[in-house]
Amino acid sequence: MATATHSKAVRLIGILAIIAGAVMIIAGGVTWVTVRDQLVAENIVIPDDAMAFQGNVVNGPIDAYIQADIINHHALTASNGKTYAELDREDPIRATVMDASFLRTSLFSSVIAFGVAAFAAGVGLLMILMGWALLKLAPKTVVVVPAPAVTEVREDPVA
């Protein structure tokens, strides 16, 4: 009786992990570029009273976060520190605060999309590294190892 290592299966899993990792890196990159292009197309410029990057066009997660923060600041200033839910239904500033809330939500959605894209690319890189490690660990050929011989020991019933 002989036992064989399962190197073909390990190599196949390694190759599949490398392919899946490459696909995830590409998908993450495409998502990042798509979200960036959509933000740039909106031509949102960070105002001078923002905490950083004044005058920059919003084109990344940090810019989007800073723009969302300054929109919140402007909305709270216009409403004397009240949120949309705290304003009276008849207050004319309520529509402005609601629009600000929608804009902030859209910007935060882009921040999340950038994060998911980076996460996908990072996991893809890890999958490539694990696939490479599996390929290095698995021999290229199947090694057949003979089983140890079993010797039978009989006791003499006459003795």
N, C-alpha and C. Protein backbone atom coordinates (compact mmCIF):
# COMPACT_ATOMS: atom_id res chain seq x y z
N MET A 1 0.85 -1.17 0.00
CA MET A 1 0.00 0.00 0.00
C MET A 1 0.89 1.23 0.00
N ALA A 2 0.52 2.28 -0.79
CA ALA A 2 1.32 3.49 -0.88
C ALA A 2 0.43 4.69 -0.63
N THR A 3 1.02 5.81 -0.13
CA THR A 3 0.28 7.04 0.06
C THR A 3 0.86 8.09 -0.88
N ALA A 4 0.01 8.98 -1.39
CA ALA A 4 0.47 10.02 -2.30
C ALA A 4 0.08 11.39 -1.74
N THR A 5 0.94 12.37 -1.91
CA THR A 5 0.59 13.72 -1.49
C THR A 5 -0.40 14.30 -2.49
N HIS A 6 -1.16 15.26 -2.07
CA HIS A 6 -2.17 15.87 -2.93
C HIS A 6 -1.65 17.19 -3.49
N SER A 7 -0.48 17.17 -4.07
CA SER A 7 0.14 18.40 -4.54
C SER A 7 -0.60 19.02 -5.71
N LYS A 8 -1.25 18.22 -6.54
CA LYS A 8 -1.99 18.80 -7.67
C LYS A 8 -3.15 19.65 -7.17
N ALA A 9 -3.86 19.18 -6.16
CA ALA A 9 -4.96 19.95 -5.60
C ALA A 9 -4.45 21.23 -4.95
N VAL A 10 -3.36 21.14 -4.21
CA VAL A 10 -2.78 22.32 -3.55
C VAL A 10 -2.33 23.33 -4.60
N ARG A 11 -1.70 22.86 -5.66
CA ARG A 11 -1.25 23.76 -6.73
C ARG A 11 -2.44 24.42 -7.41
N LEU A 12 -3.51 23.66 -7.64
CA LEU A 12 -4.71 24.22 -8.28
C LEU A 12 -5.32 25.31 -7.39
N ILE A 13 -5.41 25.04 -6.10
CA ILE A 13 -5.95 26.04 -5.18
C ILE A 13 -5.06 27.28 -5.17
N GLY A 14 -3.76 27.09 -5.21
CA GLY A 14 -2.83 28.22 -5.26
C GLY A 14 -3.03 29.07 -6.50
N ILE A 15 -3.18 28.41 -7.64
CA ILE A 15 -3.39 29.13 -8.91
C ILE A 15 -4.72 29.87 -8.88
N LEU A 16 -5.77 29.21 -8.38
CA LEU A 16 -7.08 29.86 -8.29
C LEU A 16 -7.04 31.07 -7.35
N ALA A 17 -6.30 30.96 -6.25
CA ALA A 17 -6.17 32.08 -5.31
C ALA A 17 -5.46 33.26 -5.99
N ILE A 18 -4.45 32.98 -6.77
CA ILE A 18 -3.74 34.06 -7.48
C ILE A 18 -4.66 34.73 -8.49
N ILE A 19 -5.43 33.95 -9.22
CA ILE A 19 -6.36 34.51 -10.21
C ILE A 19 -7.43 35.35 -9.51
N ALA A 20 -8.02 34.80 -8.44
CA ALA A 20 -9.05 35.54 -7.70
C ALA A 20 -8.47 36.83 -7.11
N GLY A 21 -7.25 36.77 -6.62
CA GLY A 21 -6.61 37.96 -6.08
C GLY A 21 -6.41 39.04 -7.13
N ALA A 22 -5.99 38.62 -8.31
CA ALA A 22 -5.80 39.58 -9.41
C ALA A 22 -7.13 40.23 -9.79
N VAL A 23 -8.18 39.41 -9.85
CA VAL A 23 -9.51 39.95 -10.18
C VAL A 23 -9.95 40.97 -9.13
N MET A 24 -9.70 40.67 -7.85
CA MET A 24 -10.09 41.59 -6.79
C MET A 24 -9.30 42.90 -6.84
N ILE A 25 -8.04 42.83 -7.17
CA ILE A 25 -7.23 44.04 -7.30
C ILE A 25 -7.75 44.89 -8.46
N ILE A 26 -8.05 44.25 -9.57
CA ILE A 26 -8.58 44.98 -10.73
C ILE A 26 -9.93 45.60 -10.40
N ALA A 27 -10.81 44.82 -9.76
CA ALA A 27 -12.14 45.34 -9.40
C ALA A 27 -12.03 46.51 -8.42
N GLY A 28 -11.13 46.40 -7.45
CA GLY A 28 -10.92 47.51 -6.52
C GLY A 28 -10.42 48.75 -7.23
N GLY A 29 -9.49 48.57 -8.16
CA GLY A 29 -8.97 49.71 -8.91
C GLY A 29 -10.02 50.36 -9.79
N VAL A 30 -10.82 49.54 -10.46
CA VAL A 30 -11.88 50.07 -11.33
C VAL A 30 -12.90 50.83 -10.49
N THR A 31 -13.26 50.29 -9.33
CA THR A 31 -14.21 50.97 -8.45
C THR A 31 -13.65 52.30 -7.97
N TRP A 32 -12.40 52.30 -7.55
CA TRP A 32 -11.76 53.54 -7.08
C TRP A 32 -11.80 54.61 -8.18
N VAL A 33 -11.39 54.24 -9.38
CA VAL A 33 -11.34 55.20 -10.50
C VAL A 33 -12.74 55.69 -10.85
N THR A 34 -13.72 54.79 -10.85
CA THR A 34 -15.10 55.17 -11.19
C THR A 34 -15.65 56.17 -10.18
N VAL A 35 -15.48 55.90 -8.89
CA VAL A 35 -15.97 56.82 -7.87
C VAL A 35 -15.25 58.16 -7.96
N ARG A 36 -13.94 58.11 -8.18
CA ARG A 36 -13.16 59.35 -8.31
C ARG A 36 -13.65 60.17 -9.50
N ASP A 37 -13.84 59.51 -10.64
CA ASP A 37 -14.31 60.22 -11.84
C ASP A 37 -15.68 60.86 -11.63
N GLN A 38 -16.57 60.16 -10.93
CA GLN A 38 -17.90 60.71 -10.66
C GLN A 38 -17.81 61.93 -9.73
N LEU A 39 -16.94 61.87 -8.74
CA LEU A 39 -16.77 63.03 -7.86
C LEU A 39 -16.18 64.22 -8.61
N VAL A 40 -15.18 63.97 -9.41
CA VAL A 40 -14.55 65.05 -10.18
C VAL A 40 -15.56 65.68 -11.14
N ALA A 41 -16.43 64.86 -11.74
CA ALA A 41 -17.43 65.37 -12.68
C ALA A 41 -18.41 66.32 -12.00
N GLU A 42 -18.59 66.19 -10.69
CA GLU A 42 -19.48 67.09 -9.95
C GLU A 42 -18.84 68.47 -9.73
N ASN A 43 -17.53 68.56 -9.92
CA ASN A 43 -16.80 69.82 -9.79
C ASN A 43 -17.05 70.49 -8.42
N ILE A 44 -16.96 69.72 -7.37
CA ILE A 44 -17.15 70.23 -6.01
C ILE A 44 -15.81 70.78 -5.54
N VAL A 45 -15.80 72.06 -5.17
CA VAL A 45 -14.57 72.71 -4.70
C VAL A 45 -14.69 72.95 -3.20
N ILE A 46 -13.65 72.55 -2.48
CA ILE A 46 -13.64 72.73 -1.02
C ILE A 46 -13.52 74.21 -0.71
N PRO A 47 -14.43 74.76 0.10
CA PRO A 47 -14.41 76.20 0.38
C PRO A 47 -13.24 76.63 1.27
N ASP A 48 -13.04 77.92 1.31
CA ASP A 48 -11.90 78.49 2.06
C ASP A 48 -12.00 78.29 3.57
N ASP A 49 -13.20 78.09 4.10
CA ASP A 49 -13.33 77.94 5.55
C ASP A 49 -13.30 76.48 6.01
N ALA A 50 -12.96 75.57 5.10
CA ALA A 50 -12.85 74.15 5.46
C ALA A 50 -11.58 73.94 6.28
N MET A 51 -11.51 72.76 6.96
CA MET A 51 -10.37 72.49 7.83
C MET A 51 -9.06 72.24 7.07
N ALA A 52 -9.15 71.86 5.78
CA ALA A 52 -7.94 71.58 5.00
C ALA A 52 -8.29 71.55 3.51
N PHE A 53 -7.27 71.57 2.68
CA PHE A 53 -7.38 71.43 1.22
C PHE A 53 -8.31 72.45 0.58
N GLN A 54 -8.33 73.65 1.12
CA GLN A 54 -9.18 74.71 0.57
C GLN A 54 -8.87 74.94 -0.90
N GLY A 55 -9.91 75.06 -1.73
CA GLY A 55 -9.75 75.31 -3.15
C GLY A 55 -9.56 74.06 -4.00
N ASN A 56 -9.34 72.91 -3.38
CA ASN A 56 -9.18 71.65 -4.13
C ASN A 56 -10.53 71.15 -4.64
N VAL A 57 -10.49 70.51 -5.79
CA VAL A 57 -11.67 69.80 -6.28
C VAL A 57 -11.74 68.47 -5.54
N VAL A 58 -12.92 68.10 -5.08
CA VAL A 58 -13.10 66.84 -4.35
C VAL A 58 -12.85 65.69 -5.32
N ASN A 59 -11.83 64.86 -5.01
CA ASN A 59 -11.49 63.75 -5.90
C ASN A 59 -11.00 62.51 -5.15
N GLY A 60 -11.21 62.47 -3.85
CA GLY A 60 -10.76 61.32 -3.08
C GLY A 60 -11.49 61.24 -1.76
N PRO A 61 -11.19 60.20 -0.98
CA PRO A 61 -11.93 60.00 0.27
C PRO A 61 -11.70 61.10 1.31
N ILE A 62 -10.50 61.59 1.40
CA ILE A 62 -10.22 62.63 2.40
C ILE A 62 -10.90 63.93 2.00
N ASP A 63 -10.81 64.29 0.72
CA ASP A 63 -11.50 65.49 0.23
C ASP A 63 -13.01 65.39 0.46
N ALA A 64 -13.59 64.22 0.18
CA ALA A 64 -15.03 64.03 0.35
C ALA A 64 -15.42 64.18 1.82
N TYR A 65 -14.59 63.62 2.71
CA TYR A 65 -14.89 63.75 4.14
C TYR A 65 -14.81 65.21 4.59
N ILE A 66 -13.80 65.92 4.13
CA ILE A 66 -13.64 67.33 4.52
C ILE A 66 -14.81 68.16 3.99
N GLN A 67 -15.23 67.88 2.76
CA GLN A 67 -16.36 68.61 2.18
C GLN A 67 -17.65 68.32 2.96
N ALA A 68 -17.86 67.05 3.34
CA ALA A 68 -19.04 66.70 4.13
C ALA A 68 -19.02 67.41 5.47
N ASP A 69 -17.85 67.52 6.08
CA ASP A 69 -17.72 68.20 7.36
C ASP A 69 -18.07 69.68 7.25
N ILE A 70 -17.60 70.35 6.21
CA ILE A 70 -17.87 71.78 6.08
C ILE A 70 -19.33 72.03 5.71
N ILE A 71 -19.93 71.12 4.96
CA ILE A 71 -21.37 71.24 4.66
C ILE A 71 -22.16 71.18 5.97
N ASN A 72 -21.78 70.25 6.85
CA ASN A 72 -22.45 70.14 8.15
C ASN A 72 -22.27 71.43 8.95
N HIS A 73 -21.06 71.97 8.94
CA HIS A 73 -20.79 73.22 9.66
C HIS A 73 -21.68 74.34 9.13
N HIS A 74 -21.77 74.47 7.81
CA HIS A 74 -22.59 75.54 7.21
C HIS A 74 -24.08 75.33 7.53
N ALA A 75 -24.54 74.10 7.48
CA ALA A 75 -25.96 73.83 7.77
C ALA A 75 -26.28 74.15 9.23
N LEU A 76 -25.39 73.76 10.14
CA LEU A 76 -25.64 74.05 11.56
C LEU A 76 -25.56 75.55 11.84
N THR A 77 -24.69 76.25 11.13
CA THR A 77 -24.60 77.70 11.29
C THR A 77 -25.90 78.35 10.81
N ALA A 78 -26.40 77.91 9.67
CA ALA A 78 -27.63 78.48 9.11
C ALA A 78 -28.85 78.20 9.99
N SER A 79 -28.82 77.07 10.70
CA SER A 79 -29.98 76.67 11.51
C SER A 79 -29.79 76.97 13.00
N ASN A 80 -28.79 77.77 13.33
CA ASN A 80 -28.48 78.09 14.73
C ASN A 80 -28.21 76.84 15.55
N GLY A 81 -27.50 75.88 14.96
CA GLY A 81 -27.08 74.69 15.68
C GLY A 81 -28.11 73.56 15.72
N LYS A 82 -29.24 73.74 15.04
CA LYS A 82 -30.28 72.71 15.05
C LYS A 82 -30.13 71.79 13.84
N THR A 83 -30.39 70.51 14.08
CA THR A 83 -30.39 69.54 12.98
C THR A 83 -31.75 69.55 12.29
N TYR A 84 -31.85 68.84 11.20
CA TYR A 84 -33.10 68.75 10.45
C TYR A 84 -34.24 68.29 11.36
N ALA A 85 -34.02 67.28 12.16
CA ALA A 85 -35.07 66.74 13.02
C ALA A 85 -35.48 67.72 14.12
N GLU A 86 -34.59 68.61 14.50
CA GLU A 86 -34.89 69.56 15.57
C GLU A 86 -35.62 70.81 15.08
N LEU A 87 -35.61 71.06 13.78
CA LEU A 87 -36.25 72.25 13.23
C LEU A 87 -37.76 72.06 13.12
N ASP A 88 -38.49 73.15 13.30
CA ASP A 88 -39.94 73.13 13.12
C ASP A 88 -40.26 72.84 11.65
N ARG A 89 -41.34 72.12 11.43
CA ARG A 89 -41.71 71.74 10.06
C ARG A 89 -41.95 72.95 9.16
N GLU A 90 -42.32 74.05 9.74
CA GLU A 90 -42.62 75.26 8.95
C GLU A 90 -41.40 76.18 8.81
N ASP A 91 -40.30 75.82 9.42
CA ASP A 91 -39.10 76.66 9.35
C ASP A 91 -38.55 76.64 7.93
N PRO A 92 -38.37 77.81 7.30
CA PRO A 92 -37.89 77.85 5.91
C PRO A 92 -36.46 77.31 5.73
N ILE A 93 -35.67 77.31 6.78
CA ILE A 93 -34.29 76.80 6.68
C ILE A 93 -34.23 75.28 6.68
N ARG A 94 -35.36 74.65 7.04
CA ARG A 94 -35.40 73.18 7.12
C ARG A 94 -35.04 72.53 5.78
N ALA A 95 -35.49 73.08 4.67
CA ALA A 95 -35.17 72.51 3.35
C ALA A 95 -33.68 72.59 3.06
N THR A 96 -33.05 73.68 3.47
CA THR A 96 -31.61 73.83 3.27
C THR A 96 -30.84 72.81 4.09
N VAL A 97 -31.26 72.61 5.33
CA VAL A 97 -30.60 71.63 6.21
C VAL A 97 -30.80 70.21 5.67
N MET A 98 -32.01 69.95 5.11
CA MET A 98 -32.28 68.64 4.52
C MET A 98 -31.37 68.42 3.31
N ASP A 99 -31.24 69.40 2.44
CA ASP A 99 -30.34 69.27 1.29
C ASP A 99 -28.90 69.02 1.75
N ALA A 100 -28.48 69.73 2.79
CA ALA A 100 -27.13 69.53 3.32
C ALA A 100 -26.95 68.10 3.82
N SER A 101 -27.98 67.58 4.46
CA SER A 101 -27.92 66.20 4.95
C SER A 101 -27.79 65.21 3.80
N PHE A 102 -28.54 65.43 2.73
CA PHE A 102 -28.45 64.57 1.55
C PHE A 102 -27.07 64.65 0.91
N LEU A 103 -26.53 65.84 0.80
CA LEU A 103 -25.19 66.01 0.22
C LEU A 103 -24.13 65.30 1.07
N ARG A 104 -24.24 65.45 2.38
CA ARG A 104 -23.30 64.78 3.27
C ARG A 104 -23.39 63.26 3.12
N THR A 105 -24.61 62.76 3.04
CA THR A 105 -24.80 61.32 2.87
C THR A 105 -24.17 60.84 1.58
N SER A 106 -24.33 61.59 0.51
CA SER A 106 -23.71 61.21 -0.77
C SER A 106 -22.19 61.22 -0.68
N LEU A 107 -21.65 62.22 -0.04
CA LEU A 107 -20.20 62.29 0.11
C LEU A 107 -19.68 61.16 0.99
N PHE A 108 -20.39 60.85 2.07
CA PHE A 108 -19.98 59.74 2.94
C PHE A 108 -20.10 58.41 2.20
N SER A 109 -21.07 58.29 1.30
CA SER A 109 -21.19 57.07 0.49
C SER A 109 -19.96 56.89 -0.39
N SER A 110 -19.44 57.99 -0.92
CA SER A 110 -18.23 57.88 -1.73
C SER A 110 -17.03 57.52 -0.87
N VAL A 111 -16.98 58.03 0.36
CA VAL A 111 -15.89 57.66 1.27
C VAL A 111 -15.94 56.15 1.53
N ILE A 112 -17.14 55.62 1.76
CA ILE A 112 -17.29 54.18 1.99
C ILE A 112 -16.89 53.40 0.74
N ALA A 113 -17.28 53.89 -0.44
CA ALA A 113 -16.93 53.20 -1.69
C ALA A 113 -15.41 53.15 -1.88
N PHE A 114 -14.73 54.24 -1.56
CA PHE A 114 -13.26 54.23 -1.63
C PHE A 114 -12.69 53.20 -0.67
N GLY A 115 -13.26 53.12 0.52
CA GLY A 115 -12.78 52.15 1.51
C GLY A 115 -13.00 50.71 1.06
N VAL A 116 -14.15 50.44 0.49
CA VAL A 116 -14.43 49.09 0.00
C VAL A 116 -13.49 48.73 -1.15
N ALA A 117 -13.23 49.69 -2.03
CA ALA A 117 -12.31 49.45 -3.15
C ALA A 117 -10.91 49.13 -2.64
N ALA A 118 -10.45 49.90 -1.66
CA ALA A 118 -9.12 49.64 -1.08
C ALA A 118 -9.09 48.30 -0.37
N PHE A 119 -10.16 47.96 0.34
CA PHE A 119 -10.24 46.68 1.03
C PHE A 119 -10.18 45.52 0.03
N ALA A 120 -10.93 45.64 -1.06
CA ALA A 120 -10.93 44.58 -2.07
C ALA A 120 -9.53 44.39 -2.65
N ALA A 121 -8.87 45.48 -2.95
CA ALA A 121 -7.52 45.39 -3.51
C ALA A 121 -6.55 44.78 -2.48
N GLY A 122 -6.70 45.16 -1.22
CA GLY A 122 -5.84 44.60 -0.17
C GLY A 122 -6.05 43.11 0.01
N VAL A 123 -7.31 42.68 0.03
CA VAL A 123 -7.60 41.25 0.14
C VAL A 123 -7.08 40.52 -1.09
N GLY A 124 -7.21 41.15 -2.26
CA GLY A 124 -6.68 40.55 -3.48
C GLY A 124 -5.18 40.33 -3.39
N LEU A 125 -4.46 41.30 -2.85
CA LEU A 125 -3.01 41.15 -2.68
C LEU A 125 -2.70 40.00 -1.73
N LEU A 126 -3.44 39.90 -0.63
CA LEU A 126 -3.23 38.80 0.31
C LEU A 126 -3.51 37.44 -0.36
N MET A 127 -4.55 37.38 -1.19
CA MET A 127 -4.86 36.12 -1.87
C MET A 127 -3.73 35.73 -2.83
N ILE A 128 -3.17 36.71 -3.52
CA ILE A 128 -2.05 36.41 -4.41
C ILE A 128 -0.87 35.87 -3.61
N LEU A 129 -0.58 36.50 -2.48
CA LEU A 129 0.54 36.04 -1.65
C LEU A 129 0.29 34.64 -1.10
N MET A 130 -0.94 34.35 -0.68
CA MET A 130 -1.24 33.01 -0.18
C MET A 130 -1.19 31.98 -1.30
N GLY A 131 -1.67 32.34 -2.48
CA GLY A 131 -1.58 31.44 -3.62
C GLY A 131 -0.13 31.15 -3.98
N TRP A 132 0.69 32.17 -3.97
CA TRP A 132 2.12 32.00 -4.26
C TRP A 132 2.76 31.07 -3.23
N ALA A 133 2.40 31.27 -1.95
CA ALA A 133 2.96 30.42 -0.89
C ALA A 133 2.53 28.97 -1.08
N LEU A 134 1.27 28.75 -1.46
CA LEU A 134 0.82 27.37 -1.71
C LEU A 134 1.59 26.74 -2.86
N LEU A 135 1.84 27.52 -3.90
CA LEU A 135 2.60 26.98 -5.04
C LEU A 135 4.03 26.64 -4.63
N LYS A 136 4.61 27.44 -3.75
CA LYS A 136 5.97 27.15 -3.29
C LYS A 136 6.02 25.93 -2.38
N LEU A 137 4.96 25.72 -1.61
CA LEU A 137 4.94 24.60 -0.68
C LEU A 137 4.63 23.26 -1.35
N ALA A 138 3.84 23.30 -2.40
CA ALA A 138 3.44 22.05 -3.06
C ALA A 138 4.48 21.66 -4.10
N PRO A 139 4.96 20.43 -4.06
CA PRO A 139 5.91 20.00 -5.09
C PRO A 139 5.23 19.95 -6.46
N LYS A 140 6.02 20.10 -7.51
CA LYS A 140 5.47 20.11 -8.85
C LYS A 140 5.05 18.72 -9.32
N THR A 141 5.61 17.72 -8.74
CA THR A 141 5.26 16.35 -9.12
C THR A 141 4.71 15.62 -7.91
N VAL A 142 3.89 14.62 -8.17
CA VAL A 142 3.33 13.82 -7.09
C VAL A 142 4.40 12.88 -6.57
N VAL A 143 4.58 12.90 -5.28
CA VAL A 143 5.58 12.04 -4.66
C VAL A 143 4.84 10.84 -4.07
N VAL A 144 5.25 9.65 -4.47
CA VAL A 144 4.65 8.43 -3.94
C VAL A 144 5.61 7.87 -2.90
N VAL A 145 5.12 7.72 -1.71
CA VAL A 145 5.94 7.21 -0.61
C VAL A 145 5.43 5.81 -0.27
N PRO A 146 6.29 4.82 -0.37
CA PRO A 146 5.82 3.47 -0.04
C PRO A 146 5.50 3.36 1.44
N ALA A 147 4.47 2.60 1.72
CA ALA A 147 4.08 2.38 3.11
C ALA A 147 5.10 1.45 3.76
N PRO A 148 5.31 1.60 5.06
CA PRO A 148 6.26 0.70 5.73
C PRO A 148 5.76 -0.75 5.69
N ALA A 149 6.71 -1.65 5.55
CA ALA A 149 6.36 -3.08 5.49
C ALA A 149 5.90 -3.54 6.87
N VAL A 150 4.88 -4.36 6.87
CA VAL A 150 4.36 -4.90 8.12
C VAL A 150 4.89 -6.32 8.28
N THR A 151 5.56 -6.57 9.35
CA THR A 151 6.06 -7.92 9.61
C THR A 151 5.16 -8.55 10.66
N GLU A 152 4.78 -9.75 10.40
CA GLU A 152 3.89 -10.45 11.30
C GLU A 152 4.72 -11.24 12.31
N VAL A 153 4.40 -11.12 13.54
CA VAL A 153 5.08 -11.87 14.59
C VAL A 153 4.07 -12.87 15.14
N ARG A 154 4.42 -14.17 15.04
CA ARG A 154 3.54 -15.20 15.56
C ARG A 154 4.16 -15.80 16.81
N GLU A 155 3.32 -16.04 17.69
CA GLU A 155 3.79 -16.70 18.91
C GLU A 155 3.59 -18.21 18.72
N ASP A 156 4.54 -18.97 19.16
CA ASP A 156 4.46 -20.43 19.00
C ASP A 156 3.52 -20.96 20.12
N PRO A 157 2.37 -21.54 19.71
CA PRO A 157 1.44 -22.01 20.74
C PRO A 157 1.96 -23.22 21.52
N VAL A 158 2.99 -23.86 21.03
CA VAL A 158 3.50 -25.07 21.68
C VAL A 158 4.37 -24.70 22.90
N ALA A 159 4.99 -23.60 22.84
CA ALA A 159 5.94 -23.29 23.89
C ALA A 159 5.36 -23.05 25.20
